[in-house]
């Protein structure tokens, strides 16, 4: 049953509120939504009157969220994103199977994407929609049918298809280290680049090679792609998965900084909600993906 109309604000009011919350002014929100400033103000007033709560504190031209507004805007963004996903699915695949998949950017771009053409040719009846997510989330309450997970089998409420363990290699620009280091302890004498989601990556790499020392503090990146670019420009040594590093190694943008490789801190999995009925699109994708791990 759908909630009573008084609890269902208009999409235009929610869009106006979200834009003001993100941009901090009605003027900026109006420019983004191609509306007038007064139209934005009316939408905010209508929304607050409908809910019976103040969402925006007005201090001159500066607009800030109240405590109620901060709590509300996160839920509004989730709803708008879910509605957009549903609309894309309805538009692109009205009569065939659709799979909404959350991916990790590096794995999705460098391992999964090159293989998807084979899936599309084998299963033309299925449309795969990809969205990037960097951390685990409540998949049962999300619009996603499945997700790519890195680490261990520690995501609650899901089933797992193991894909492959990740092997990492240290790489750098050719002029930073013309020859791979034979002694891994020598890595401590060079600037090391770090990944935000793997703060212990270098510590584990060194420990696996029996180097008992803490790595030096260095630049921190949120994705492998930006870290790789920093390495290409000579800013330091990056620890990259082999599937990500291989293209850069082949064209000599990067070279191996050490002759040693080690197993990383986890593996890649396809995960999907164990409490949700598995649709035919997911079954087809999961079955196909299992055949791709042999050449990983």
Protein backbone atom coordinates (compact mmCIF):
# COMPACT_ATOMS: atom_id res chain seq x y z
CA UNK A 1 0.00 0.00 0.00
CA UNK A 2 1.32 3.46 -0.94
CA UNK A 3 1.53 6.03 1.87
CA UNK A 4 -1.10 8.82 2.06
CA UNK A 5 -0.58 11.69 -0.36
CA UNK A 6 0.31 14.14 2.42
CA UNK A 7 3.49 12.14 3.07
CA UNK A 8 4.53 12.05 -0.60
CA UNK A 9 6.23 15.31 -1.66
CA UNK A 10 6.54 16.11 -5.35
CA UNK A 11 9.70 15.09 -7.22
CA UNK A 12 10.35 18.72 -8.14
CA UNK A 13 10.28 19.73 -4.45
CA UNK A 14 12.69 16.92 -3.52
CA UNK A 15 15.05 17.84 -6.37
CA UNK A 16 15.03 21.48 -5.27
CA UNK A 17 15.73 20.51 -1.66
CA UNK A 18 18.55 18.12 -2.58
CA UNK A 19 20.20 20.71 -4.85
CA UNK A 20 20.03 23.45 -2.20
CA UNK A 21 21.39 21.07 0.44
CA UNK A 22 24.31 20.15 -1.80
CA UNK A 23 25.08 23.58 -3.29
CA UNK A 24 24.26 25.82 -0.32
CA UNK A 25 22.20 28.44 -2.13
CA UNK A 26 18.93 28.82 -3.97
CA UNK A 27 20.72 30.69 -6.77
CA UNK A 28 23.07 27.79 -7.49
CA UNK A 29 20.24 25.28 -7.24
CA UNK A 30 18.12 27.32 -9.64
CA UNK A 31 20.95 27.44 -12.19
CA UNK A 32 21.48 23.67 -11.99
CA UNK A 33 17.76 22.86 -12.32
CA UNK A 34 17.05 25.57 -14.94
CA UNK A 35 14.53 27.29 -12.65
CA UNK A 36 14.22 30.73 -11.12
CA UNK A 37 15.40 31.43 -7.61
CA UNK A 38 11.84 32.22 -6.54
CA UNK A 39 10.67 28.86 -7.92
CA UNK A 40 13.27 27.09 -5.79
CA UNK A 41 12.17 29.06 -2.73
CA UNK A 42 8.53 28.14 -3.35
CA UNK A 43 9.42 24.46 -3.67
CA UNK A 44 11.30 24.55 -0.35
CA UNK A 45 8.45 26.35 1.39
CA UNK A 46 5.90 23.87 0.03
CA UNK A 47 8.03 20.92 1.15
CA UNK A 48 8.52 22.29 4.67
CA UNK A 49 4.80 23.08 5.03
CA UNK A 50 3.87 19.61 3.82
CA UNK A 51 6.22 17.92 6.29
CA UNK A 52 5.57 20.37 9.11
CA UNK A 53 9.28 20.76 9.84
CA UNK A 54 12.02 23.28 9.04
CA UNK A 55 14.64 21.74 6.76
CA UNK A 56 16.66 24.81 5.77
CA UNK A 57 18.05 27.53 8.04
CA UNK A 58 18.28 30.85 6.26
CA UNK A 59 21.11 33.22 7.15
CA UNK A 60 21.01 36.03 4.63
CA UNK A 61 21.68 34.42 1.25
CA UNK A 62 23.37 31.42 2.84
CA UNK A 63 21.18 28.35 3.28
CA UNK A 64 22.21 25.59 5.69
CA UNK A 65 20.54 22.36 6.70
CA UNK A 66 18.86 22.02 10.06
CA UNK A 67 19.33 18.80 12.01
CA UNK A 68 16.06 17.51 10.51
CA UNK A 69 17.25 18.55 7.05
CA UNK A 70 20.53 16.66 7.42
CA UNK A 71 18.67 13.51 8.44
CA UNK A 72 16.17 13.89 5.60
CA UNK A 73 18.50 14.70 2.71
CA UNK A 74 20.34 11.37 2.83
CA UNK A 75 17.10 9.44 2.50
CA UNK A 76 15.93 11.76 -0.27
CA UNK A 77 19.13 11.10 -2.26
CA UNK A 78 18.72 7.34 -1.86
CA UNK A 79 15.12 7.57 -3.11
CA UNK A 80 16.02 9.76 -6.07
CA UNK A 81 18.88 7.44 -7.03
CA UNK A 82 16.62 4.37 -6.78
CA UNK A 83 13.96 6.07 -8.88
CA UNK A 84 16.55 7.02 -11.51
CA UNK A 85 17.85 3.42 -11.63
CA UNK A 86 14.31 2.09 -12.02
CA UNK A 87 13.58 4.59 -14.78
CA UNK A 88 16.75 3.69 -16.68
CA UNK A 89 15.87 0.01 -16.41
CA UNK A 90 12.33 0.61 -17.62
CA UNK A 91 13.53 2.69 -20.55
CA UNK A 92 16.40 0.52 -21.72
CA UNK A 93 14.97 -2.92 -21.07
CA UNK A 94 11.18 -2.87 -21.11
CA UNK A 95 10.83 -6.44 -22.32
CA UNK A 96 14.09 -8.23 -21.55
CA UNK A 97 16.07 -9.16 -18.48
CA UNK A 98 18.05 -6.47 -16.69
CA UNK A 99 20.92 -6.91 -14.25
CA UNK A 100 21.89 -3.97 -12.06
CA UNK A 101 25.46 -4.60 -10.91
CA UNK A 102 27.55 -2.58 -8.44
CA UNK A 103 31.23 -2.76 -9.36
CA UNK A 104 34.59 -1.71 -7.99
CA UNK A 105 36.07 0.77 -10.52
CA UNK A 106 39.45 -0.88 -11.15
CA UNK A 107 38.11 -4.43 -11.33
CA UNK A 108 35.13 -3.32 -13.42
CA UNK A 109 37.21 -1.39 -15.93
CA UNK A 110 40.22 -3.65 -16.32
CA UNK A 111 38.91 -7.17 -15.67
CA UNK A 112 35.14 -7.27 -16.14
CA UNK A 113 34.53 -4.75 -18.94
CA UNK A 114 36.81 -6.46 -21.50
CA UNK A 115 34.87 -9.69 -20.95
CA UNK A 116 31.34 -8.25 -21.08
CA UNK A 117 31.20 -8.35 -24.87
CA UNK A 118 31.24 -12.13 -24.66
CA UNK A 119 28.34 -12.08 -22.21
CA UNK A 120 26.39 -9.67 -24.42
CA UNK A 121 26.87 -11.96 -27.42
CA UNK A 122 25.93 -15.06 -25.44
CA UNK A 123 22.96 -13.47 -23.67
CA UNK A 124 21.56 -10.69 -25.85
CA UNK A 125 18.31 -10.87 -23.85
CA UNK A 126 20.06 -9.44 -20.75
CA UNK A 127 21.06 -5.81 -20.29
CA UNK A 128 23.78 -5.18 -17.70
CA UNK A 129 23.73 -1.79 -15.95
CA UNK A 130 26.95 -0.92 -14.09
CA UNK A 131 27.33 1.51 -11.17
CA UNK A 132 30.44 2.17 -9.09
CA UNK A 133 30.49 1.51 -5.36
CA UNK A 134 33.72 1.57 -3.34
CA UNK A 135 32.50 0.04 -0.07
CA UNK A 136 30.00 -2.64 1.02
CA UNK A 137 26.42 -1.43 1.43
CA UNK A 138 23.01 -2.81 2.39
CA UNK A 139 22.48 -4.68 -0.86
CA UNK A 140 19.10 -6.14 0.15
CA UNK A 141 17.67 -2.60 0.39
CA UNK A 142 19.40 -1.33 -2.75
CA UNK A 143 18.38 -1.39 -6.43
CA UNK A 144 21.30 -3.74 -7.20
CA UNK A 145 20.85 -7.39 -8.08
CA UNK A 146 24.49 -8.19 -7.32
CA UNK A 147 27.84 -6.57 -6.59
CA UNK A 148 31.57 -7.14 -6.95
CA UNK A 149 33.19 -7.46 -3.53
CA UNK A 150 36.88 -7.45 -2.58
CA UNK A 151 38.19 -8.88 0.66
CA UNK A 152 36.84 -11.91 2.46
CA UNK A 153 33.44 -13.57 2.91
CA UNK A 154 32.41 -10.96 5.45
CA UNK A 155 29.48 -9.20 3.76
CA UNK A 156 26.37 -10.14 5.76
CA UNK A 157 23.21 -11.40 4.07
CA UNK A 158 24.74 -12.38 0.73
CA UNK A 159 25.78 -15.43 -1.24
CA UNK A 160 29.23 -15.66 -2.82
CA UNK A 161 30.75 -16.70 -6.12
CA UNK A 162 34.57 -16.66 -5.75
CA UNK A 163 36.20 -15.04 -8.78
CA UNK A 164 39.93 -14.83 -8.11
CA UNK A 165 42.55 -13.87 -5.54
CA UNK A 166 44.37 -10.66 -6.20
CA UNK A 167 48.12 -10.55 -6.74
CA UNK A 168 49.77 -7.16 -6.41
CA UNK A 169 52.99 -5.79 -7.92
CA UNK A 170 54.96 -2.64 -7.08
CA UNK A 171 55.35 -0.40 -10.13
CA UNK A 172 56.81 3.01 -10.89
CA UNK A 173 57.93 5.28 -13.71
CA UNK A 174 60.97 3.98 -15.67
CA UNK A 175 63.17 6.91 -14.63
CA UNK A 176 62.40 6.43 -10.93
CA UNK A 177 63.78 2.88 -10.79
CA UNK A 178 65.38 1.74 -14.07
CA UNK A 179 65.87 -1.79 -12.69
CA UNK A 180 63.71 -3.81 -10.26
CA UNK A 181 64.98 -3.87 -6.70
CA UNK A 182 66.45 -7.23 -5.70
CA UNK A 183 66.15 -6.47 -1.99
CA UNK A 184 62.55 -5.57 -1.04
CA UNK A 185 63.83 -3.57 1.95
CA UNK A 186 65.17 -1.07 -0.55
CA UNK A 187 61.58 -0.03 -1.23
CA UNK A 188 61.70 1.94 2.05
CA UNK A 189 64.13 4.38 0.44
CA UNK A 190 61.60 5.48 -2.18
CA UNK A 191 58.32 7.42 -1.98
CA UNK A 192 55.40 5.01 -1.66
CA UNK A 193 51.86 5.71 -2.84
CA UNK A 194 48.97 4.47 -0.71
CA UNK A 195 45.34 3.50 -1.38
CA UNK A 196 42.75 4.94 1.00
CA UNK A 197 40.76 1.69 1.27
CA UNK A 198 43.93 -0.38 1.88
CA UNK A 199 45.99 1.59 4.40
CA UNK A 200 48.01 -1.51 5.37
CA UNK A 201 48.78 -2.57 1.79
CA UNK A 202 52.48 -1.73 1.89
CA UNK A 203 52.88 -3.07 5.44
CA UNK A 204 51.47 -6.42 4.37
CA UNK A 205 53.60 -6.51 1.22
CA UNK A 206 56.77 -5.86 3.21
CA UNK A 207 55.84 -8.31 5.96
CA UNK A 208 55.18 -11.06 3.41
CA UNK A 209 58.76 -10.58 2.21
CA UNK A 210 60.09 -10.65 5.80
CA UNK A 211 60.85 -6.93 5.96
CA UNK A 212 60.06 -5.85 9.52
CA UNK A 213 59.63 -2.12 9.07
CA UNK A 214 56.80 0.34 8.72
CA UNK A 215 56.54 1.95 5.27
CA UNK A 216 57.00 5.72 5.04
CA UNK A 217 53.99 7.99 4.93
CA UNK A 218 53.14 9.07 1.39
CA UNK A 219 50.42 10.37 -0.90
CA UNK A 220 47.01 8.71 -0.45
CA UNK A 221 44.54 8.04 -3.29
CA UNK A 222 40.94 6.85 -3.34
CA UNK A 223 41.24 4.80 -6.56
CA UNK A 224 43.87 2.74 -8.37
CA UNK A 225 43.44 4.84 -11.52
CA UNK A 226 44.58 8.11 -9.93
CA UNK A 227 47.37 6.35 -8.06
CA UNK A 228 48.61 4.79 -11.32
CA UNK A 229 48.70 8.20 -12.97
CA UNK A 230 50.72 9.58 -10.07
CA UNK A 231 53.18 6.71 -10.48
CA UNK A 232 53.43 7.35 -14.23
CA UNK A 233 54.41 10.96 -13.49
CA UNK A 234 57.17 9.85 -11.14
CA UNK A 235 55.57 10.68 -7.80
CA UNK A 236 56.32 7.31 -6.23
CA UNK A 237 55.89 3.55 -6.27
CA UNK A 238 52.34 2.18 -6.48
CA UNK A 239 51.14 -1.25 -5.38
CA UNK A 240 48.71 -2.36 -8.10
CA UNK A 241 46.80 -5.56 -8.90
CA UNK A 242 48.37 -7.44 -11.79
CA UNK A 243 45.24 -7.18 -13.95
CA UNK A 244 45.37 -3.40 -13.51
CA UNK A 245 49.12 -2.99 -13.93
CA UNK A 246 49.60 -5.21 -17.01
CA UNK A 247 48.51 -2.67 -19.69
CA UNK A 248 50.82 0.00 -18.22
CA UNK A 249 53.71 -2.49 -18.03
CA UNK A 250 53.21 -3.62 -21.62
CA UNK A 251 53.47 -0.08 -23.05
CA UNK A 252 56.31 0.82 -20.64
CA UNK A 253 54.45 3.66 -18.96
CA UNK A 254 55.29 1.78 -15.76
CA UNK A 255 57.95 -0.79 -14.87
CA UNK A 256 58.29 -3.30 -12.06
CA UNK A 257 59.89 -1.72 -9.01
CA UNK A 258 60.70 -5.08 -7.41
CA UNK A 259 61.24 -8.59 -8.64
CA UNK A 260 58.95 -9.93 -5.89
CA UNK A 261 55.17 -10.21 -6.03
CA UNK A 262 52.96 -11.32 -3.17
CA UNK A 263 49.40 -12.39 -2.64
CA UNK A 264 47.22 -9.47 -1.60
CA UNK A 265 44.88 -9.18 1.38
CA UNK A 266 41.82 -10.73 -0.23
CA UNK A 267 39.93 -12.03 -3.21
CA UNK A 268 37.21 -10.86 -5.56
CA UNK A 269 33.68 -12.23 -5.30
CA UNK A 270 30.34 -11.78 -6.97
CA UNK A 271 27.79 -11.33 -4.17
CA UNK A 272 23.98 -11.22 -4.26
CA UNK A 273 21.25 -11.06 -1.57
CA UNK A 274 20.44 -14.44 -0.07
CA UNK A 275 16.96 -13.28 0.97
CA UNK A 276 15.92 -12.12 -2.50
CA UNK A 277 14.68 -14.40 -5.25
CA UNK A 278 17.31 -14.83 -7.93
CA UNK A 279 16.07 -13.64 -11.30
CA UNK A 280 16.96 -15.23 -14.65
CA UNK A 281 19.28 -12.35 -15.59
CA UNK A 282 21.39 -12.89 -12.46
CA UNK A 283 21.41 -16.65 -12.98
CA UNK A 284 22.66 -16.21 -16.54
CA UNK A 285 25.32 -13.70 -15.49
CA UNK A 286 26.50 -15.76 -12.51
CA UNK A 287 26.78 -18.93 -14.61
CA UNK A 288 28.70 -17.10 -17.33
CA UNK A 289 30.98 -15.33 -14.84
CA UNK A 290 31.98 -18.67 -13.32
CA UNK A 291 33.40 -19.71 -16.70
CA UNK A 292 35.54 -16.55 -16.89
CA UNK A 293 37.55 -17.20 -13.73
CA UNK A 294 39.61 -19.96 -15.36
CA UNK A 295 41.60 -17.40 -17.37
CA UNK A 296 41.74 -14.79 -14.64
